[in-house]
PDB file of N, CA and C in Angstrom:
ATOM      1  N   MET A   1       0.842  -1.180   0.000  1.00  0.00           N
ATOM      2  CA  MET A   1       0.000   0.000   0.000  1.00  0.00           C
ATOM      3  C   MET A   1       0.887   1.245   0.000  1.00  0.00           C
ATOM      4  N   GLU A   2       0.507   2.221  -0.822  1.00  0.00           N
ATOM      5  CA  GLU A   2       1.301   3.440  -0.938  1.00  0.00           C
ATOM      6  C   GLU A   2       0.764   4.523  -0.029  1.00  0.00           C
ATOM      7  N   GLY A   3       1.649   5.145   0.751  1.00  0.00           N
ATOM      8  CA  GLY A   3       1.238   6.209   1.660  1.00  0.00           C
ATOM      9  C   GLY A   3       1.220   7.546   0.954  1.00  0.00           C
ATOM     10  N   ASN A   4       0.900   8.583   1.709  1.00  0.00           N
ATOM     11  CA  ASN A   4       0.907   9.928   1.142  1.00  0.00           C
ATOM     12  C   ASN A   4       2.323  10.366   0.857  1.00  0.00           C
ATOM     13  N   LEU A   5       2.524  10.969  -0.279  1.00  0.00           N
ATOM     14  CA  LEU A   5       3.835  11.471  -0.669  1.00  0.00           C
ATOM     15  C   LEU A   5       4.089  12.774   0.075  1.00  0.00           C
ATOM     16  N   MET A   6       5.209  12.846   0.793  1.00  0.00           N
ATOM     17  CA  MET A   6       5.536  14.027   1.595  1.00  0.00           C
ATOM     18  C   MET A   6       6.605  14.827   0.864  1.00  0.00           C
ATOM     19  N   ILE A   7       6.182  15.915   0.210  1.00  0.00           N
ATOM     20  CA  ILE A   7       7.102  16.794  -0.506  1.00  0.00           C
ATOM     21  C   ILE A   7       7.206  18.102   0.275  1.00  0.00           C
ATOM     22  N   ALA A   8       8.433  18.538   0.526  1.00  0.00           N
ATOM     23  CA  ALA A   8       8.653  19.785   1.256  1.00  0.00           C
ATOM     24  C   ALA A   8       9.514  20.716   0.410  1.00  0.00           C
ATOM     25  N   GLU A   9       9.256  22.005   0.541  1.00  0.00           N
ATOM     26  CA  GLU A   9       9.994  23.031  -0.191  1.00  0.00           C
ATOM     27  C   GLU A   9      11.040  23.655   0.721  1.00  0.00           C
ATOM     28  N   PHE A  10      12.281  23.732   0.226  1.00  0.00           N
ATOM     29  CA  PHE A  10      13.375  24.347   0.973  1.00  0.00           C
ATOM     30  C   PHE A  10      14.162  25.242   0.040  1.00  0.00           C
ATOM     31  N   THR A  11      15.237  25.831   0.563  1.00  0.00           N
ATOM     32  CA  THR A  11      16.104  26.705  -0.230  1.00  0.00           C
ATOM     33  C   THR A  11      17.531  26.193  -0.160  1.00  0.00           C
ATOM     34  N   LEU A  12      18.137  26.010  -1.331  1.00  0.00           N
ATOM     35  CA  LEU A  12      19.539  25.610  -1.378  1.00  0.00           C
ATOM     36  C   LEU A  12      20.423  26.776  -0.951  1.00  0.00           C
ATOM     37  N   ASN A  13      21.669  26.479  -0.602  1.00  0.00           N
ATOM     38  CA  ASN A  13      22.586  27.542  -0.160  1.00  0.00           C
ATOM     39  C   ASN A  13      22.842  28.581  -1.241  1.00  0.00           C
ATOM     40  N   ASP A  14      22.639  28.221  -2.524  1.00  0.00           N
ATOM     41  CA  ASP A  14      22.836  29.200  -3.597  1.00  0.00           C
ATOM     42  C   ASP A  14      21.596  30.060  -3.833  1.00  0.00           C
ATOM     43  N   GLY A  15      20.540  29.844  -3.004  1.00  0.00           N
ATOM     44  CA  GLY A  15      19.339  30.654  -3.092  1.00  0.00           C
ATOM     45  C   GLY A  15      18.234  30.059  -3.943  1.00  0.00           C
ATOM     46  N   ASN A  16      18.501  28.968  -4.639  1.00  0.00           N
ATOM     47  CA  ASN A  16      17.490  28.338  -5.480  1.00  0.00           C
ATOM     48  C   ASN A  16      16.547  27.476  -4.654  1.00  0.00           C
ATOM     49  N   PRO A  17      15.267  27.438  -5.041  1.00  0.00           N
ATOM     50  CA  PRO A  17      14.312  26.574  -4.339  1.00  0.00           C
ATOM     51  C   PRO A  17      14.516  25.108  -4.721  1.00  0.00           C
ATOM     52  N   VAL A  18      14.148  24.224  -3.814  1.00  0.00           N
ATOM     53  CA  VAL A  18      14.254  22.792  -4.087  1.00  0.00           C
ATOM     54  C   VAL A  18      13.079  22.089  -3.417  1.00  0.00           C
ATOM     55  N   SER A  19      12.527  21.090  -4.106  1.00  0.00           N
ATOM     56  CA  SER A  19      11.469  20.247  -3.540  1.00  0.00           C
ATOM     57  C   SER A  19      12.094  18.919  -3.171  1.00  0.00           C
ATOM     58  N   ILE A  20      11.834  18.467  -1.949  1.00  0.00           N
ATOM     59  CA  ILE A  20      12.436  17.222  -1.459  1.00  0.00           C
ATOM     60  C   ILE A  20      11.335  16.246  -1.080  1.00  0.00           C
ATOM     61  N   ASN A  21      11.450  15.012  -1.587  1.00  0.00           N
ATOM     62  CA  ASN A  21      10.567  13.930  -1.160  1.00  0.00           C
ATOM     63  C   ASN A  21      11.117  13.447   0.178  1.00  0.00           C
ATOM     64  N   MET A  22      10.442  13.789   1.261  1.00  0.00           N
ATOM     65  CA  MET A  22      10.958  13.501   2.600  1.00  0.00           C
ATOM     66  C   MET A  22      11.025  11.999   2.890  1.00  0.00           C
ATOM     67  N   ASP A  23      10.302  11.185   2.127  1.00  0.00           N
ATOM     68  CA  ASP A  23      10.371   9.727   2.300  1.00  0.00           C
ATOM     69  C   ASP A  23      11.724   9.174   1.869  1.00  0.00           C
ATOM     70  N   GLN A  24      12.469   9.921   1.044  1.00  0.00           N
ATOM     71  CA  GLN A  24      13.769   9.461   0.551  1.00  0.00           C
ATOM     72  C   GLN A  24      14.934   9.930   1.427  1.00  0.00           C
ATOM     73  N   VAL A  25      14.636  10.742   2.439  1.00  0.00           N
ATOM     74  CA  VAL A  25      15.687  11.284   3.304  1.00  0.00           C
ATOM     75  C   VAL A  25      16.131  10.220   4.304  1.00  0.00           C
ATOM     76  N   ASP A  26      17.451   9.985   4.359  1.00  0.00           N
ATOM     77  CA  ASP A  26      18.013   9.045   5.325  1.00  0.00           C
ATOM     78  C   ASP A  26      18.185   9.736   6.670  1.00  0.00           C
ATOM     79  N   TYR A  27      18.827  10.911   6.652  1.00  0.00           N
ATOM     80  CA  TYR A  27      18.989  11.694   7.882  1.00  0.00           C
ATOM     81  C   TYR A  27      19.325  13.136   7.545  1.00  0.00           C
ATOM     82  N   VAL A  28      19.169  14.003   8.532  1.00  0.00           N
ATOM     83  CA  VAL A  28      19.572  15.403   8.415  1.00  0.00           C
ATOM     84  C   VAL A  28      20.490  15.722   9.586  1.00  0.00           C
ATOM     85  N   GLN A  29      21.379  16.681   9.357  1.00  0.00           N
ATOM     86  CA  GLN A  29      22.272  17.099  10.437  1.00  0.00           C
ATOM     87  C   GLN A  29      22.602  18.571  10.261  1.00  0.00           C
ATOM     88  N   PRO A  30      22.862  19.262  11.366  1.00  0.00           N
ATOM     89  CA  PRO A  30      23.249  20.678  11.267  1.00  0.00           C
ATOM     90  C   PRO A  30      24.550  20.811  10.478  1.00  0.00           C
ATOM     91  N   SER A  31      24.668  21.896   9.733  1.00  0.00           N
ATOM     92  CA  SER A  31      25.910  22.187   9.020  1.00  0.00           C
ATOM     93  C   SER A  31      26.305  23.632   9.302  1.00  0.00           C
ATOM     94  N   ASP A  32      27.439  24.043   8.790  1.00  0.00           N
ATOM     95  CA  ASP A  32      27.934  25.401   9.046  1.00  0.00           C
ATOM     96  C   ASP A  32      26.953  26.465   8.583  1.00  0.00           C
ATOM     97  N   ASP A  33      26.303  26.235   7.446  1.00  0.00           N
ATOM     98  CA  ASP A  33      25.446  27.259   6.850  1.00  0.00           C
ATOM     99  C   ASP A  33      23.966  26.936   6.891  1.00  0.00           C
ATOM    100  N   GLY A  34      23.565  25.873   7.565  1.00  0.00           N
ATOM    101  CA  GLY A  34      22.151  25.495   7.601  1.00  0.00           C
ATOM    102  C   GLY A  34      21.981  24.042   7.988  1.00  0.00           C
ATOM    103  N   THR A  35      21.531  23.236   7.006  1.00  0.00           N
ATOM    104  CA  THR A  35      21.262  21.826   7.283  1.00  0.00           C
ATOM    105  C   THR A  35      21.733  20.970   6.123  1.00  0.00           C
ATOM    106  N   LEU A  36      22.387  19.863   6.429  1.00  0.00           N
ATOM    107  CA  LEU A  36      22.782  18.886   5.434  1.00  0.00           C
ATOM    108  C   LEU A  36      21.717  17.797   5.408  1.00  0.00           C
ATOM    109  N   VAL A  37      21.160  17.543   4.228  1.00  0.00           N
ATOM    110  CA  VAL A  37      20.163  16.488   4.041  1.00  0.00           C
ATOM    111  C   VAL A  37      20.833  15.363   3.270  1.00  0.00           C
ATOM    112  N   VAL A  38      20.816  14.150   3.824  1.00  0.00           N
ATOM    113  CA  VAL A  38      21.422  12.993   3.167  1.00  0.00           C
ATOM    114  C   VAL A  38      20.310  12.019   2.798  1.00  0.00           C
ATOM    115  N   PHE A  39      20.317  11.608   1.535  1.00  0.00           N
ATOM    116  CA  PHE A  39      19.302  10.701   1.021  1.00  0.00           C
ATOM    117  C   PHE A  39      19.754   9.258   1.137  1.00  0.00           C
ATOM    118  N   ALA A  40      18.804   8.344   1.087  1.00  0.00           N
ATOM    119  CA  ALA A  40      19.090   6.914   1.231  1.00  0.00           C
ATOM    120  C   ALA A  40      20.043   6.415   0.146  1.00  0.00           C
ATOM    121  N   ASP A  41      20.023   7.042  -1.025  1.00  0.00           N
ATOM    122  CA  ASP A  41      20.902   6.590  -2.122  1.00  0.00           C
ATOM    123  C   ASP A  41      22.283   7.244  -2.077  1.00  0.00           C
ATOM    124  N   GLY A  42      22.568   8.035  -1.026  1.00  0.00           N
ATOM    125  CA  GLY A  42      23.898   8.624  -0.867  1.00  0.00           C
ATOM    126  C   GLY A  42      24.003  10.071  -1.324  1.00  0.00           C
ATOM    127  N   ARG A  43      23.026  10.557  -2.079  1.00  0.00           N
ATOM    128  CA  ARG A  43      23.062  11.968  -2.483  1.00  0.00           C
ATOM    129  C   ARG A  43      22.873  12.844  -1.252  1.00  0.00           C
ATOM    130  N   HIS A  44      23.303  14.100  -1.381  1.00  0.00           N
ATOM    131  CA  HIS A  44      23.091  15.036  -0.275  1.00  0.00           C
ATOM    132  C   HIS A  44      22.912  16.452  -0.808  1.00  0.00           C
ATOM    133  N   LEU A  45      22.202  17.249  -0.023  1.00  0.00           N
ATOM    134  CA  LEU A  45      21.966  18.652  -0.342  1.00  0.00           C
ATOM    135  C   LEU A  45      22.242  19.491   0.890  1.00  0.00           C
ATOM    136  N   GLU A  46      22.728  20.693   0.653  1.00  0.00           N
ATOM    137  CA  GLU A  46      22.940  21.655   1.738  1.00  0.00           C
ATOM    138  C   GLU A  46      21.851  22.713   1.627  1.00  0.00           C
ATOM    139  N   LEU A  47      21.063  22.870   2.695  1.00  0.00           N
ATOM    140  CA  LEU A  47      19.950  23.810   2.710  1.00  0.00           C
ATOM    141  C   LEU A  47      20.264  25.027   3.557  1.00  0.00           C
ATOM    142  N   GLN A  48      19.615  26.156   3.231  1.00  0.00           N
ATOM    143  CA  GLN A  48      19.758  27.373   4.030  1.00  0.00           C
ATOM    144  C   GLN A  48      18.984  27.271   5.339  1.00  0.00           C
ATOM    145  N   GLU A  49      17.893  26.513   5.340  1.00  0.00           N
ATOM    146  CA  GLU A  49      17.040  26.427   6.524  1.00  0.00           C
ATOM    147  C   GLU A  49      17.796  25.825   7.705  1.00  0.00           C
ATOM    148  N   SER A  50      17.395  26.226   8.903  1.00  0.00           N
ATOM    149  CA  SER A  50      18.031  25.706  10.111  1.00  0.00           C
ATOM    150  C   SER A  50      17.675  24.239  10.312  1.00  0.00           C
ATOM    151  N   TYR A  51      18.494  23.560  11.070  1.00  0.00           N
ATOM    152  CA  TYR A  51      18.236  22.150  11.386  1.00  0.00           C
ATOM    153  C   TYR A  51      16.869  21.986  12.046  1.00  0.00           C
ATOM    154  N   ASP A  52      16.535  22.881  12.979  1.00  0.00           N
ATOM    155  CA  ASP A  52      15.246  22.785  13.678  1.00  0.00           C
ATOM    156  C   ASP A  52      14.071  22.888  12.705  1.00  0.00           C
ATOM    157  N   ALA A  53      14.170  23.777  11.712  1.00  0.00           N
ATOM    158  CA  ALA A  53      13.092  23.949  10.737  1.00  0.00           C
ATOM    159  C   ALA A  53      12.916  22.690   9.893  1.00  0.00           C
ATOM    160  N   VAL A  54      14.020  22.072   9.480  1.00  0.00           N
ATOM    161  CA  VAL A  54      13.951  20.853   8.670  1.00  0.00           C
ATOM    162  C   VAL A  54      13.457  19.684   9.516  1.00  0.00           C
ATOM    163  N   ALA A  55      13.926  19.591  10.758  1.00  0.00           N
ATOM    164  CA  ALA A  55      13.517  18.496  11.646  1.00  0.00           C
ATOM    165  C   ALA A  55      12.020  18.559  11.935  1.00  0.00           C
ATOM    166  N   GLU A  56      11.453  19.756  12.026  1.00  0.00           N
ATOM    167  CA  GLU A  56      10.009  19.901  12.252  1.00  0.00           C
ATOM    168  C   GLU A  56       9.216  19.321  11.097  1.00  0.00           C
ATOM    169  N   VAL A  57       9.715  19.487   9.876  1.00  0.00           N
ATOM    170  CA  VAL A  57       9.036  18.935   8.701  1.00  0.00           C
ATOM    171  C   VAL A  57       9.125  17.410   8.714  1.00  0.00           C
ATOM    172  N   LEU A  58      10.281  16.890   9.120  1.00  0.00           N
ATOM    173  CA  LEU A  58      10.460  15.432   9.178  1.00  0.00           C
ATOM    174  C   LEU A  58       9.631  14.796  10.285  1.00  0.00           C
ATOM    175  N   ASN A  59       9.454  15.508  11.398  1.00  0.00           N
ATOM    176  CA  ASN A  59       8.741  14.967  12.560  1.00  0.00           C
ATOM    177  C   ASN A  59       7.619  15.905  12.983  1.00  0.00           C
ATOM    178  N   PRO A  60       6.545  16.006  12.191  1.00  0.00           N
ATOM    179  CA  PRO A  60       5.489  16.966  12.510  1.00  0.00           C
ATOM    180  C   PRO A  60       4.777  16.647  13.830  1.00  0.00           C
ATOM    181  N   GLU A  61       4.789  15.380  14.251  1.00  0.00           N
ATOM    182  CA  GLU A  61       4.124  15.026  15.510  1.00  0.00           C
ATOM    183  C   GLU A  61       4.829  15.639  16.708  1.00  0.00           C
ATOM    184  N   ARG A  62       6.091  16.019  16.548  1.00  0.00           N
ATOM    185  CA  ARG A  62       6.842  16.658  17.628  1.00  0.00           C
ATOM    186  C   ARG A  62       6.197  17.958  18.063  1.00  0.00           C
ATOM    187  N   GLN A  63       5.742  18.748  17.085  1.00  0.00           N
ATOM    188  CA  GLN A  63       5.147  20.031  17.425  1.00  0.00           C
ATOM    189  C   GLN A  63       3.714  19.879  17.908  1.00  0.00           C
ATOM    190  N   ALA A  64       3.116  18.713  17.713  1.00  0.00           N
ATOM    191  CA  ALA A  64       1.750  18.481  18.186  1.00  0.00           C
ATOM    192  C   ALA A  64       1.727  18.079  19.663  1.00  0.00           C
ATOM    193  N   GLY A  65       2.907  17.948  20.258  1.00  0.00           N
ATOM    194  CA  GLY A  65       3.003  17.621  21.688  1.00  0.00           C
ATOM    195  C   GLY A  65       2.847  16.143  21.985  1.00  0.00           C
ATOM    196  N   CYS A  66       3.016  15.304  20.968  1.00  0.00           N
ATOM    197  CA  CYS A  66       2.878  13.854  21.177  1.00  0.00           C
ATOM    198  C   CYS A  66       4.187  13.254  21.639  1.00  0.00           C
TER     199      CYS A  66
END
């Protein structure tokens, strides 16, 4: 069974917008200029958004107080 596709919009460090399928994200970690997003296939992107902002998108239940 296929779940809902979770696409989130972020900004790359060069200022360009990027859409990320959050189901393909392996992990995120803070970086010098924002957040490093690492995908399950080994690709990675550096985002301008803070780690906390990206983590909230990955774990929306966190902000719901669950």
